[in-house]
């Protein structure tokens, strides 16, 4: 699942997948803005069939956070 998430992030933000780890922070490390994050969350909800609550979305800071909520 991590590799799929990394691929989705790399494609959306036009970066190399090798730059992404579980500890990678969306805003500080990937320079994603709030719109980027919302678009990624929507894509992941569709891909994995899980809905994120507003509370969960507010807590997502790293790639690992996404992985945790999707499990």
PDB file of N, CA and C in Angstrom:
ATOM      1  N   UNK A   1       0.826  -1.192   0.000  1.00  0.00           N
ATOM      2  CA  UNK A   1       0.000   0.000   0.000  1.00  0.00           C
ATOM      3  C   UNK A   1       0.872   1.259   0.000  1.00  0.00           C
ATOM      4  N   UNK A   2       1.993   1.212   0.725  1.00  0.00           N
ATOM      5  CA  UNK A   2       2.878   2.379   0.781  1.00  0.00           C
ATOM      6  C   UNK A   2       3.364   2.764  -0.611  1.00  0.00           C
ATOM      7  N   UNK A   3       3.734   1.774  -1.398  1.00  0.00           N
ATOM      8  CA  UNK A   3       4.250   2.078  -2.737  1.00  0.00           C
ATOM      9  C   UNK A   3       3.182   2.736  -3.607  1.00  0.00           C
ATOM     10  N   UNK A   4       1.939   2.288  -3.480  1.00  0.00           N
ATOM     11  CA  UNK A   4       0.836   2.889  -4.245  1.00  0.00           C
ATOM     12  C   UNK A   4       0.634   4.345  -3.819  1.00  0.00           C
ATOM     13  N   UNK A   5       0.656   4.586  -2.499  1.00  0.00           N
ATOM     14  CA  UNK A   5       0.497   5.947  -1.972  1.00  0.00           C
ATOM     15  C   UNK A   5       1.633   6.841  -2.455  1.00  0.00           C
ATOM     16  N   UNK A   6       2.863   6.326  -2.382  1.00  0.00           N
ATOM     17  CA  UNK A   6       4.015   7.102  -2.841  1.00  0.00           C
ATOM     18  C   UNK A   6       3.876   7.453  -4.321  1.00  0.00           C
ATOM     19  N   UNK A   7       3.413   6.510  -5.117  1.00  0.00           N
ATOM     20  CA  UNK A   7       3.226   6.761  -6.542  1.00  0.00           C
ATOM     21  C   UNK A   7       2.182   7.838  -6.804  1.00  0.00           C
ATOM     22  N   UNK A   8       1.094   7.783  -6.052  1.00  0.00           N
ATOM     23  CA  UNK A   8       0.032   8.784  -6.215  1.00  0.00           C
ATOM     24  C   UNK A   8       0.538  10.175  -5.843  1.00  0.00           C
ATOM     25  N   UNK A   9       1.292  10.258  -4.761  1.00  0.00           N
ATOM     26  CA  UNK A   9       1.832  11.544  -4.313  1.00  0.00           C
ATOM     27  C   UNK A   9       2.841  12.074  -5.334  1.00  0.00           C
ATOM     28  N   UNK A  10       3.726  11.199  -5.775  1.00  0.00           N
ATOM     29  CA  UNK A  10       4.752  11.614  -6.751  1.00  0.00           C
ATOM     30  C   UNK A  10       4.101  12.135  -8.028  1.00  0.00           C
ATOM     31  N   UNK A  11       3.082  11.435  -8.511  1.00  0.00           N
ATOM     32  CA  UNK A  11       2.394  11.875  -9.728  1.00  0.00           C
ATOM     33  C   UNK A  11       1.698  13.211  -9.516  1.00  0.00           C
ATOM     34  N   UNK A  12       1.002  13.354  -8.392  1.00  0.00           N
ATOM     35  CA  UNK A  12       0.228  14.574  -8.132  1.00  0.00           C
ATOM     36  C   UNK A  12       1.117  15.799  -7.947  1.00  0.00           C
ATOM     37  N   UNK A  13       2.250  15.600  -7.278  1.00  0.00           N
ATOM     38  CA  UNK A  13       3.122  16.737  -6.970  1.00  0.00           C
ATOM     39  C   UNK A  13       4.303  16.860  -7.932  1.00  0.00           C
ATOM     40  N   UNK A  14       4.350  15.961  -8.911  1.00  0.00           N
ATOM     41  CA  UNK A  14       5.406  15.966  -9.924  1.00  0.00           C
ATOM     42  C   UNK A  14       6.803  15.950  -9.298  1.00  0.00           C
ATOM     43  N   UNK A  15       6.997  14.968  -8.414  1.00  0.00           N
ATOM     44  CA  UNK A  15       8.299  14.775  -7.786  1.00  0.00           C
ATOM     45  C   UNK A  15       8.712  13.319  -7.964  1.00  0.00           C
ATOM     46  N   UNK A  16       9.967  13.037  -7.655  1.00  0.00           N
ATOM     47  CA  UNK A  16      10.479  11.682  -7.751  1.00  0.00           C
ATOM     48  C   UNK A  16      10.007  10.872  -6.548  1.00  0.00           C
ATOM     49  N   UNK A  17       9.519   9.679  -6.815  1.00  0.00           N
ATOM     50  CA  UNK A  17       9.013   8.812  -5.756  1.00  0.00           C
ATOM     51  C   UNK A  17      10.068   8.507  -4.696  1.00  0.00           C
ATOM     52  N   UNK A  18      11.338   8.530  -5.080  1.00  0.00           N
ATOM     53  CA  UNK A  18      12.414   8.226  -4.137  1.00  0.00           C
ATOM     54  C   UNK A  18      12.539   9.285  -3.029  1.00  0.00           C
ATOM     55  N   UNK A  19      11.940  10.443  -3.236  1.00  0.00           N
ATOM     56  CA  UNK A  19      11.975  11.510  -2.230  1.00  0.00           C
ATOM     57  C   UNK A  19      10.955  11.290  -1.115  1.00  0.00           C
ATOM     58  N   UNK A  20      10.095  10.279  -1.261  1.00  0.00           N
ATOM     59  CA  UNK A  20       8.980  10.092  -0.346  1.00  0.00           C
ATOM     60  C   UNK A  20       9.215   8.883   0.552  1.00  0.00           C
ATOM     61  N   UNK A  21       9.098   9.094   1.864  1.00  0.00           N
ATOM     62  CA  UNK A  21       9.156   8.021   2.850  1.00  0.00           C
ATOM     63  C   UNK A  21       7.941   8.159   3.770  1.00  0.00           C
ATOM     64  N   UNK A  22       7.767   7.225   4.681  1.00  0.00           N
ATOM     65  CA  UNK A  22       6.657   7.329   5.632  1.00  0.00           C
ATOM     66  C   UNK A  22       6.762   8.592   6.475  1.00  0.00           C
ATOM     67  N   UNK A  23       7.961   9.057   6.734  1.00  0.00           N
ATOM     68  CA  UNK A  23       8.164  10.240   7.564  1.00  0.00           C
ATOM     69  C   UNK A  23       8.104  11.559   6.813  1.00  0.00           C
ATOM     70  N   UNK A  24       7.953  11.495   5.505  1.00  0.00           N
ATOM     71  CA  UNK A  24       7.908  12.714   4.701  1.00  0.00           C
ATOM     72  C   UNK A  24       6.686  13.547   5.061  1.00  0.00           C
ATOM     73  N   UNK A  25       6.922  14.832   5.332  1.00  0.00           N
ATOM     74  CA  UNK A  25       5.835  15.753   5.687  1.00  0.00           C
ATOM     75  C   UNK A  25       5.345  16.445   4.421  1.00  0.00           C
ATOM     76  N   UNK A  26       4.027  16.517   4.303  1.00  0.00           N
ATOM     77  CA  UNK A  26       3.442  17.095   3.088  1.00  0.00           C
ATOM     78  C   UNK A  26       3.814  18.554   2.897  1.00  0.00           C
ATOM     79  N   UNK A  27       3.632  19.357   3.910  1.00  0.00           N
ATOM     80  CA  UNK A  27       3.850  20.800   3.766  1.00  0.00           C
ATOM     81  C   UNK A  27       5.334  21.147   3.818  1.00  0.00           C
ATOM     82  N   UNK A  28       6.021  20.695   4.852  1.00  0.00           N
ATOM     83  CA  UNK A  28       7.413  21.089   5.054  1.00  0.00           C
ATOM     84  C   UNK A  28       8.376  20.457   4.057  1.00  0.00           C
ATOM     85  N   UNK A  29       8.175  19.168   3.741  1.00  0.00           N
ATOM     86  CA  UNK A  29       9.124  18.463   2.879  1.00  0.00           C
ATOM     87  C   UNK A  29       8.734  18.482   1.401  1.00  0.00           C
ATOM     88  N   UNK A  30       7.434  18.353   1.135  1.00  0.00           N
ATOM     89  CA  UNK A  30       6.973  18.266  -0.252  1.00  0.00           C
ATOM     90  C   UNK A  30       6.419  19.584  -0.780  1.00  0.00           C
ATOM     91  N   UNK A  31       6.330  20.567   0.098  1.00  0.00           N
ATOM     92  CA  UNK A  31       5.836  21.901  -0.260  1.00  0.00           C
ATOM     93  C   UNK A  31       4.428  21.847  -0.868  1.00  0.00           C
ATOM     94  N   UNK A  32       3.624  20.906  -0.349  1.00  0.00           N
ATOM     95  CA  UNK A  32       2.234  20.800  -0.791  1.00  0.00           C
ATOM     96  C   UNK A  32       1.409  21.865  -0.078  1.00  0.00           C
ATOM     97  N   UNK A  33       0.437  22.421  -0.793  1.00  0.00           N
ATOM     98  CA  UNK A  33      -0.463  23.363  -0.132  1.00  0.00           C
ATOM     99  C   UNK A  33      -1.754  22.626   0.240  1.00  0.00           C
ATOM    100  N   UNK A  34      -2.678  23.324   0.865  1.00  0.00           N
ATOM    101  CA  UNK A  34      -3.892  22.669   1.353  1.00  0.00           C
ATOM    102  C   UNK A  34      -4.711  22.077   0.200  1.00  0.00           C
ATOM    103  N   UNK A  35      -4.720  22.726  -0.949  1.00  0.00           N
ATOM    104  CA  UNK A  35      -5.442  22.186  -2.097  1.00  0.00           C
ATOM    105  C   UNK A  35      -4.806  20.884  -2.584  1.00  0.00           C
ATOM    106  N   UNK A  36      -3.479  20.843  -2.636  1.00  0.00           N
ATOM    107  CA  UNK A  36      -2.776  19.608  -3.014  1.00  0.00           C
ATOM    108  C   UNK A  36      -3.178  18.466  -2.085  1.00  0.00           C
ATOM    109  N   UNK A  37      -3.199  18.742  -0.790  1.00  0.00           N
ATOM    110  CA  UNK A  37      -3.501  17.714   0.196  1.00  0.00           C
ATOM    111  C   UNK A  37      -4.941  17.221   0.034  1.00  0.00           C
ATOM    112  N   UNK A  38      -5.876  18.133  -0.133  1.00  0.00           N
ATOM    113  CA  UNK A  38      -7.283  17.744  -0.313  1.00  0.00           C
ATOM    114  C   UNK A  38      -7.444  16.896  -1.576  1.00  0.00           C
ATOM    115  N   UNK A  39      -6.800  17.293  -2.649  1.00  0.00           N
ATOM    116  CA  UNK A  39      -6.898  16.528  -3.897  1.00  0.00           C
ATOM    117  C   UNK A  39      -6.309  15.122  -3.726  1.00  0.00           C
ATOM    118  N   UNK A  40      -5.198  15.024  -3.005  1.00  0.00           N
ATOM    119  CA  UNK A  40      -4.600  13.716  -2.742  1.00  0.00           C
ATOM    120  C   UNK A  40      -5.516  12.848  -1.883  1.00  0.00           C
ATOM    121  N   UNK A  41      -6.118  13.447  -0.866  1.00  0.00           N
ATOM    122  CA  UNK A  41      -7.019  12.697   0.009  1.00  0.00           C
ATOM    123  C   UNK A  41      -8.202  12.157  -0.796  1.00  0.00           C
ATOM    124  N   UNK A  42      -8.782  12.989  -1.640  1.00  0.00           N
ATOM    125  CA  UNK A  42      -9.918  12.557  -2.462  1.00  0.00           C
ATOM    126  C   UNK A  42      -9.505  11.403  -3.375  1.00  0.00           C
ATOM    127  N   UNK A  43      -8.354  11.516  -3.998  1.00  0.00           N
ATOM    128  CA  UNK A  43      -7.862  10.449  -4.875  1.00  0.00           C
ATOM    129  C   UNK A  43      -7.642   9.158  -4.101  1.00  0.00           C
ATOM    130  N   UNK A  44      -7.096   9.263  -2.889  1.00  0.00           N
ATOM    131  CA  UNK A  44      -6.852   8.069  -2.078  1.00  0.00           C
ATOM    132  C   UNK A  44      -8.154   7.452  -1.575  1.00  0.00           C
ATOM    133  N   UNK A  45      -9.120   8.284  -1.254  1.00  0.00           N
ATOM    134  CA  UNK A  45     -10.429   7.764  -0.851  1.00  0.00           C
ATOM    135  C   UNK A  45     -11.033   6.940  -1.990  1.00  0.00           C
ATOM    136  N   UNK A  46     -10.927   7.446  -3.193  1.00  0.00           N
ATOM    137  CA  UNK A  46     -11.455   6.722  -4.362  1.00  0.00           C
ATOM    138  C   UNK A  46     -10.678   5.434  -4.618  1.00  0.00           C
ATOM    139  N   UNK A  47      -9.366   5.538  -4.543  1.00  0.00           N
ATOM    140  CA  UNK A  47      -8.512   4.383  -4.847  1.00  0.00           C
ATOM    141  C   UNK A  47      -8.679   3.253  -3.829  1.00  0.00           C
ATOM    142  N   UNK A  48      -8.746   3.618  -2.550  1.00  0.00           N
ATOM    143  CA  UNK A  48      -8.754   2.608  -1.492  1.00  0.00           C
ATOM    144  C   UNK A  48     -10.122   2.357  -0.879  1.00  0.00           C
ATOM    145  N   UNK A  49     -11.135   3.127  -1.289  1.00  0.00           N
ATOM    146  CA  UNK A  49     -12.487   2.903  -0.794  1.00  0.00           C
ATOM    147  C   UNK A  49     -12.700   3.223   0.670  1.00  0.00           C
ATOM    148  N   UNK A  50     -11.909   4.118   1.219  1.00  0.00           N
ATOM    149  CA  UNK A  50     -12.065   4.526   2.619  1.00  0.00           C
ATOM    150  C   UNK A  50     -12.268   6.029   2.679  1.00  0.00           C
ATOM    151  N   UNK A  51     -13.213   6.446   3.488  1.00  0.00           N
ATOM    152  CA  UNK A  51     -13.469   7.878   3.671  1.00  0.00           C
ATOM    153  C   UNK A  51     -12.700   8.381   4.881  1.00  0.00           C
ATOM    154  N   UNK A  52     -12.083   9.531   4.737  1.00  0.00           N
ATOM    155  CA  UNK A  52     -11.403  10.197   5.835  1.00  0.00           C
ATOM    156  C   UNK A  52     -12.387  11.163   6.479  1.00  0.00           C
ATOM    157  N   UNK A  53     -12.431  11.178   7.809  1.00  0.00           N
ATOM    158  CA  UNK A  53     -13.254  12.175   8.497  1.00  0.00           C
ATOM    159  C   UNK A  53     -12.515  13.510   8.467  1.00  0.00           C
ATOM    160  N   UNK A  54     -13.239  14.590   8.717  1.00  0.00           N
ATOM    161  CA  UNK A  54     -12.599  15.906   8.772  1.00  0.00           C
ATOM    162  C   UNK A  54     -11.519  15.928   9.852  1.00  0.00           C
ATOM    163  N   UNK A  55     -11.781  15.239  10.945  1.00  0.00           N
ATOM    164  CA  UNK A  55     -10.813  15.173  12.045  1.00  0.00           C
ATOM    165  C   UNK A  55      -9.537  14.451  11.608  1.00  0.00           C
ATOM    166  N   UNK A  56      -9.697  13.351  10.889  1.00  0.00           N
ATOM    167  CA  UNK A  56      -8.529  12.624  10.390  1.00  0.00           C
ATOM    168  C   UNK A  56      -7.726  13.477   9.410  1.00  0.00           C
ATOM    169  N   UNK A  57      -8.418  14.147   8.517  1.00  0.00           N
ATOM    170  CA  UNK A  57      -7.732  14.986   7.529  1.00  0.00           C
ATOM    171  C   UNK A  57      -6.917  16.074   8.225  1.00  0.00           C
ATOM    172  N   UNK A  58      -7.481  16.661   9.261  1.00  0.00           N
ATOM    173  CA  UNK A  58      -6.782  17.726   9.991  1.00  0.00           C
ATOM    174  C   UNK A  58      -5.515  17.217  10.666  1.00  0.00           C
ATOM    175  N   UNK A  59      -5.472  15.927  10.987  1.00  0.00           N
ATOM    176  CA  UNK A  59      -4.316  15.357  11.680  1.00  0.00           C
ATOM    177  C   UNK A  59      -3.230  14.841  10.744  1.00  0.00           C
ATOM    178  N   UNK A  60      -3.528  14.772   9.458  1.00  0.00           N
ATOM    179  CA  UNK A  60      -2.555  14.223   8.512  1.00  0.00           C
ATOM    180  C   UNK A  60      -1.427  15.226   8.272  1.00  0.00           C
ATOM    181  N   UNK A  61      -0.249  14.823   8.641  1.00  0.00           N
ATOM    182  CA  UNK A  61       0.948  15.654   8.448  1.00  0.00           C
ATOM    183  C   UNK A  61       1.995  14.946   7.590  1.00  0.00           C
ATOM    184  N   UNK A  62       2.026  13.603   7.694  1.00  0.00           N
ATOM    185  CA  UNK A  62       3.053  12.828   6.993  1.00  0.00           C
ATOM    186  C   UNK A  62       2.421  11.744   6.124  1.00  0.00           C
ATOM    187  N   UNK A  63       3.227  11.173   5.271  1.00  0.00           N
ATOM    188  CA  UNK A  63       2.796  10.047   4.453  1.00  0.00           C
ATOM    189  C   UNK A  63       2.401   8.880   5.356  1.00  0.00           C
ATOM    190  N   UNK A  64       3.132   8.690   6.427  1.00  0.00           N
ATOM    191  CA  UNK A  64       2.811   7.627   7.378  1.00  0.00           C
ATOM    192  C   UNK A  64       1.446   7.809   8.024  1.00  0.00           C
ATOM    193  N   UNK A  65       1.045   9.055   8.244  1.00  0.00           N
ATOM    194  CA  UNK A  65      -0.292   9.325   8.791  1.00  0.00           C
ATOM    195  C   UNK A  65      -1.366   8.813   7.836  1.00  0.00           C
ATOM    196  N   UNK A  66      -1.181   9.039   6.552  1.00  0.00           N
ATOM    197  CA  UNK A  66      -2.146   8.551   5.552  1.00  0.00           C
ATOM    198  C   UNK A  66      -2.210   7.031   5.608  1.00  0.00           C
ATOM    199  N   UNK A  67      -1.061   6.414   5.654  1.00  0.00           N
ATOM    200  CA  UNK A  67      -0.989   4.955   5.700  1.00  0.00           C
ATOM    201  C   UNK A  67      -1.728   4.415   6.928  1.00  0.00           C
ATOM    202  N   UNK A  68      -1.536   5.051   8.058  1.00  0.00           N
ATOM    203  CA  UNK A  68      -2.199   4.637   9.298  1.00  0.00           C
ATOM    204  C   UNK A  68      -3.710   4.700   9.160  1.00  0.00           C
ATOM    205  N   UNK A  69      -4.228   5.784   8.612  1.00  0.00           N
ATOM    206  CA  UNK A  69      -5.679   5.936   8.477  1.00  0.00           C
ATOM    207  C   UNK A  69      -6.271   4.991   7.440  1.00  0.00           C
ATOM    208  N   UNK A  70      -5.489   4.602   6.454  1.00  0.00           N
ATOM    209  CA  UNK A  70      -6.000   3.706   5.425  1.00  0.00           C
ATOM    210  C   UNK A  70      -6.013   2.246   5.864  1.00  0.00           C
ATOM    211  N   UNK A  71      -5.259   1.901   6.875  1.00  0.00           N
ATOM    212  CA  UNK A  71      -5.205   0.499   7.333  1.00  0.00           C
ATOM    213  C   UNK A  71      -6.457   0.116   8.070  1.00  0.00           C
TER     214      UNK A  71
END
